[in-house]
Amino acid sequence: MKKICIDAGHGGKDPGACAGGVREKDIALVVALKIGALLTDYEVVYTRMKDVYVGLSERARIANRAEADLFVSVHCNSAPSTSANGMEVYVHTTRSAASTRAAHAIYDRLLSASGLHGRGVKANDYAVLRETSMPAVLVELGFVSNDGDRAQLVSAAWQDRAAEAIAAGIIEAVGKP
């Protein structure tokens, strides 16, 4: 059975991005759990399932120990400018072809389902992408610092659509069991 590691960004003492009374750690956890619940034909490993702090290297170790087939980290974005908006997906700067395929599969579905501006698939040297030994992506669902994005991020219906889109992208990326 294929294994998917779902990483809800931030948590515990680390709230992540905050704006308008919304904390990134809360949105990330809700969406991550929804994604995992949809992957019924896969073994799902979570880096956290409640509001606890897990360090970046420990998140990668959890995925590596589980020998996951794909690592998906769920986040919300923020910017000093409240006009910055949209969703994007990251791979590591030394991205593998499998990471890039997974990122595009998730990005394309999330862009279609989310109704948010698409900012593209990008590369960055994030620790959770660098330290994982399997294909890995980091999804930025939208900007908590933008009123329009934030309204979507807190909507349960939007969260469901986003989770369904990400799960469909995961299934395309790793294949059906």
Protein backbone atom coordinates (compact mmCIF):
# COMPACT_ATOMS: atom_id res chain seq x y z
CA MET A 1 0.00 0.00 0.00
CA LYS A 2 1.36 3.42 -0.94
CA LYS A 3 2.11 5.84 1.90
CA ILE A 4 1.41 9.54 1.87
CA CYS A 5 2.83 11.82 4.57
CA ILE A 6 0.61 14.82 5.21
CA ASP A 7 2.28 17.68 7.08
CA ALA A 8 0.08 20.36 8.65
CA GLY A 9 2.37 23.37 8.83
CA HIS A 10 3.26 25.08 12.10
CA GLY A 11 1.35 24.16 15.30
CA GLY A 12 1.55 24.55 19.07
CA LYS A 13 3.79 27.47 20.02
CA ASP A 14 4.26 28.31 16.31
CA PRO A 15 1.05 29.87 14.94
CA GLY A 16 2.49 30.57 11.49
CA ALA A 17 1.01 33.51 9.62
CA CYS A 18 -1.73 35.39 11.48
CA ALA A 19 -4.18 38.04 10.27
CA GLY A 20 -7.77 39.00 10.97
CA GLY A 21 -7.97 36.58 13.89
CA VAL A 22 -6.98 33.65 11.64
CA ARG A 23 -3.94 31.50 12.43
CA GLU A 24 -2.19 29.54 9.71
CA LYS A 25 -1.64 26.55 12.01
CA ASP A 26 -5.41 26.08 12.42
CA ILE A 27 -6.25 26.22 8.70
CA ALA A 28 -3.32 23.95 7.84
CA LEU A 29 -4.40 21.31 10.36
CA VAL A 30 -8.05 21.28 9.28
CA VAL A 31 -7.18 20.99 5.58
CA ALA A 32 -4.44 18.40 6.20
CA LEU A 33 -6.83 16.16 8.13
CA LYS A 34 -9.47 16.53 5.40
CA ILE A 35 -6.91 15.53 2.74
CA GLY A 36 -5.89 12.45 4.70
CA ALA A 37 -9.50 11.41 5.26
CA LEU A 38 -10.03 11.38 1.49
CA LEU A 39 -7.06 9.09 0.81
CA THR A 40 -8.85 5.94 1.96
CA ASP A 41 -6.93 3.61 -0.35
CA TYR A 42 -3.54 4.78 0.94
CA GLU A 43 -1.69 4.58 4.21
CA VAL A 44 -1.64 8.13 5.53
CA VAL A 45 1.02 9.29 7.97
CA TYR A 46 0.57 12.68 9.64
CA THR A 47 3.31 14.82 11.15
CA ARG A 48 0.69 16.15 13.56
CA MET A 49 -3.01 15.52 14.14
CA LYS A 50 -3.61 18.15 16.81
CA ASP A 51 -2.31 21.56 17.81
CA VAL A 52 1.23 20.59 18.82
CA TYR A 53 4.63 21.92 17.84
CA VAL A 54 6.75 19.64 15.64
CA GLY A 55 10.15 20.91 14.49
CA LEU A 56 11.01 21.05 10.80
CA SER A 57 13.66 18.31 10.93
CA GLU A 58 11.33 16.08 12.95
CA ARG A 59 8.64 16.48 10.27
CA ALA A 60 11.11 15.23 7.66
CA ARG A 61 12.21 12.39 9.95
CA ILE A 62 8.59 11.25 10.39
CA ALA A 63 8.19 11.05 6.60
CA ASN A 64 11.57 9.38 6.10
CA ARG A 65 10.99 6.78 8.85
CA ALA A 66 7.60 5.96 7.34
CA GLU A 67 9.23 5.58 3.92
CA ALA A 68 6.41 7.63 2.45
CA ASP A 69 5.91 7.70 -1.30
CA LEU A 70 5.03 11.41 -1.22
CA PHE A 71 5.33 14.21 1.34
CA VAL A 72 2.77 17.04 1.18
CA SER A 73 3.15 20.03 3.51
CA VAL A 74 0.08 22.27 3.90
CA HIS A 75 0.49 25.99 4.65
CA CYS A 76 -1.06 29.43 4.25
CA ASN A 77 0.90 32.36 2.95
CA SER A 78 1.30 35.92 4.24
CA ALA A 79 2.84 39.13 2.97
CA PRO A 80 3.36 42.69 4.20
CA SER A 81 1.16 43.88 1.34
CA THR A 82 -2.50 42.96 1.85
CA SER A 83 -2.93 42.91 -1.94
CA ALA A 84 -0.73 39.79 -2.30
CA ASN A 85 -3.05 36.88 -2.98
CA GLY A 86 -3.36 33.43 -4.50
CA MET A 87 -2.15 29.88 -4.12
CA GLU A 88 1.13 28.27 -5.09
CA VAL A 89 2.99 24.98 -4.74
CA TYR A 90 6.69 24.61 -3.96
CA VAL A 91 9.27 21.94 -4.68
CA HIS A 92 12.89 21.92 -3.52
CA THR A 93 15.47 23.77 -5.58
CA THR A 94 17.05 20.42 -6.48
CA ARG A 95 13.61 19.10 -7.35
CA SER A 96 13.18 15.61 -8.65
CA ALA A 97 11.02 14.94 -11.67
CA ALA A 98 8.57 13.13 -9.37
CA SER A 99 8.31 16.15 -7.05
CA THR A 100 7.70 18.43 -10.02
CA ARG A 101 5.01 16.10 -11.43
CA ALA A 102 3.29 15.95 -8.03
CA ALA A 103 3.46 19.72 -7.64
CA HIS A 104 1.86 20.32 -11.03
CA ALA A 105 -0.85 17.69 -10.44
CA ILE A 106 -1.78 19.30 -7.12
CA TYR A 107 -1.43 22.86 -8.41
CA ASP A 108 -3.63 22.31 -11.46
CA ARG A 109 -6.46 20.81 -9.43
CA LEU A 110 -6.22 23.31 -6.59
CA LEU A 111 -6.16 26.24 -9.01
CA SER A 112 -9.33 24.98 -10.66
CA ALA A 113 -11.16 24.19 -7.41
CA SER A 114 -10.05 27.09 -5.23
CA GLY A 115 -11.16 30.07 -7.26
CA LEU A 116 -7.96 31.80 -6.15
CA HIS A 117 -5.30 33.49 -8.26
CA GLY A 118 -2.61 31.05 -9.39
CA ARG A 119 0.96 32.02 -8.50
CA GLY A 120 2.53 28.93 -10.06
CA VAL A 121 4.80 26.05 -9.13
CA LYS A 122 8.01 27.41 -7.61
CA ALA A 123 11.24 26.16 -6.08
CA ASN A 124 12.62 27.03 -2.65
CA ASP A 125 15.08 25.59 -0.15
CA TYR A 126 12.49 24.86 2.58
CA ALA A 127 13.81 22.45 5.23
CA VAL A 128 10.89 20.01 4.92
CA LEU A 129 11.51 19.75 1.18
CA ARG A 130 15.29 19.54 1.50
CA GLU A 131 15.38 16.96 4.31
CA THR A 132 12.79 14.50 3.01
CA SER A 133 14.07 11.55 0.99
CA MET A 134 10.96 11.12 -1.16
CA PRO A 135 9.17 13.37 -3.65
CA ALA A 136 7.93 16.36 -1.64
CA VAL A 137 5.78 19.45 -2.18
CA LEU A 138 4.68 22.38 -0.05
CA VAL A 139 1.24 23.84 -0.77
CA GLU A 140 0.47 27.48 0.06
CA LEU A 141 -3.33 27.52 0.12
CA GLY A 142 -3.73 31.30 0.02
CA PHE A 143 -2.78 34.46 1.90
CA VAL A 144 -4.16 34.98 5.40
CA SER A 145 -3.01 38.60 5.00
CA ASN A 146 -5.45 39.14 2.08
CA ASP A 147 -9.11 39.70 2.97
CA GLY A 148 -10.45 37.78 -0.05
CA ASP A 149 -8.16 34.78 0.39
CA ARG A 150 -8.75 34.73 4.15
CA ALA A 151 -12.53 34.62 3.65
CA GLN A 152 -12.05 31.49 1.53
CA LEU A 153 -9.48 29.90 3.86
CA VAL A 154 -11.90 29.98 6.81
CA SER A 155 -14.86 28.60 4.81
CA ALA A 156 -15.52 24.92 5.55
CA ALA A 157 -16.93 24.45 2.03
CA TRP A 158 -13.78 25.98 0.50
CA GLN A 159 -11.58 23.83 2.75
CA ASP A 160 -13.46 20.75 1.51
CA ARG A 161 -12.94 21.74 -2.13
CA ALA A 162 -9.25 22.45 -1.53
CA ALA A 163 -8.74 19.13 0.25
CA GLU A 164 -10.54 17.24 -2.53
CA ALA A 165 -8.37 18.95 -5.15
CA ILE A 166 -5.13 18.23 -3.30
CA ALA A 167 -6.15 14.61 -2.70
CA ALA A 168 -6.94 14.20 -6.42
CA GLY A 169 -3.53 15.63 -7.29
CA ILE A 170 -1.86 13.23 -4.86
CA ILE A 171 -3.69 10.27 -6.42
CA GLU A 172 -2.60 11.36 -9.90
CA ALA A 173 0.98 11.81 -8.73
CA VAL A 174 1.46 8.48 -6.94
CA GLY A 175 -1.02 6.40 -8.90
CA LYS A 176 -4.06 4.49 -7.78
CA PRO A 177 -3.36 1.61 -5.39
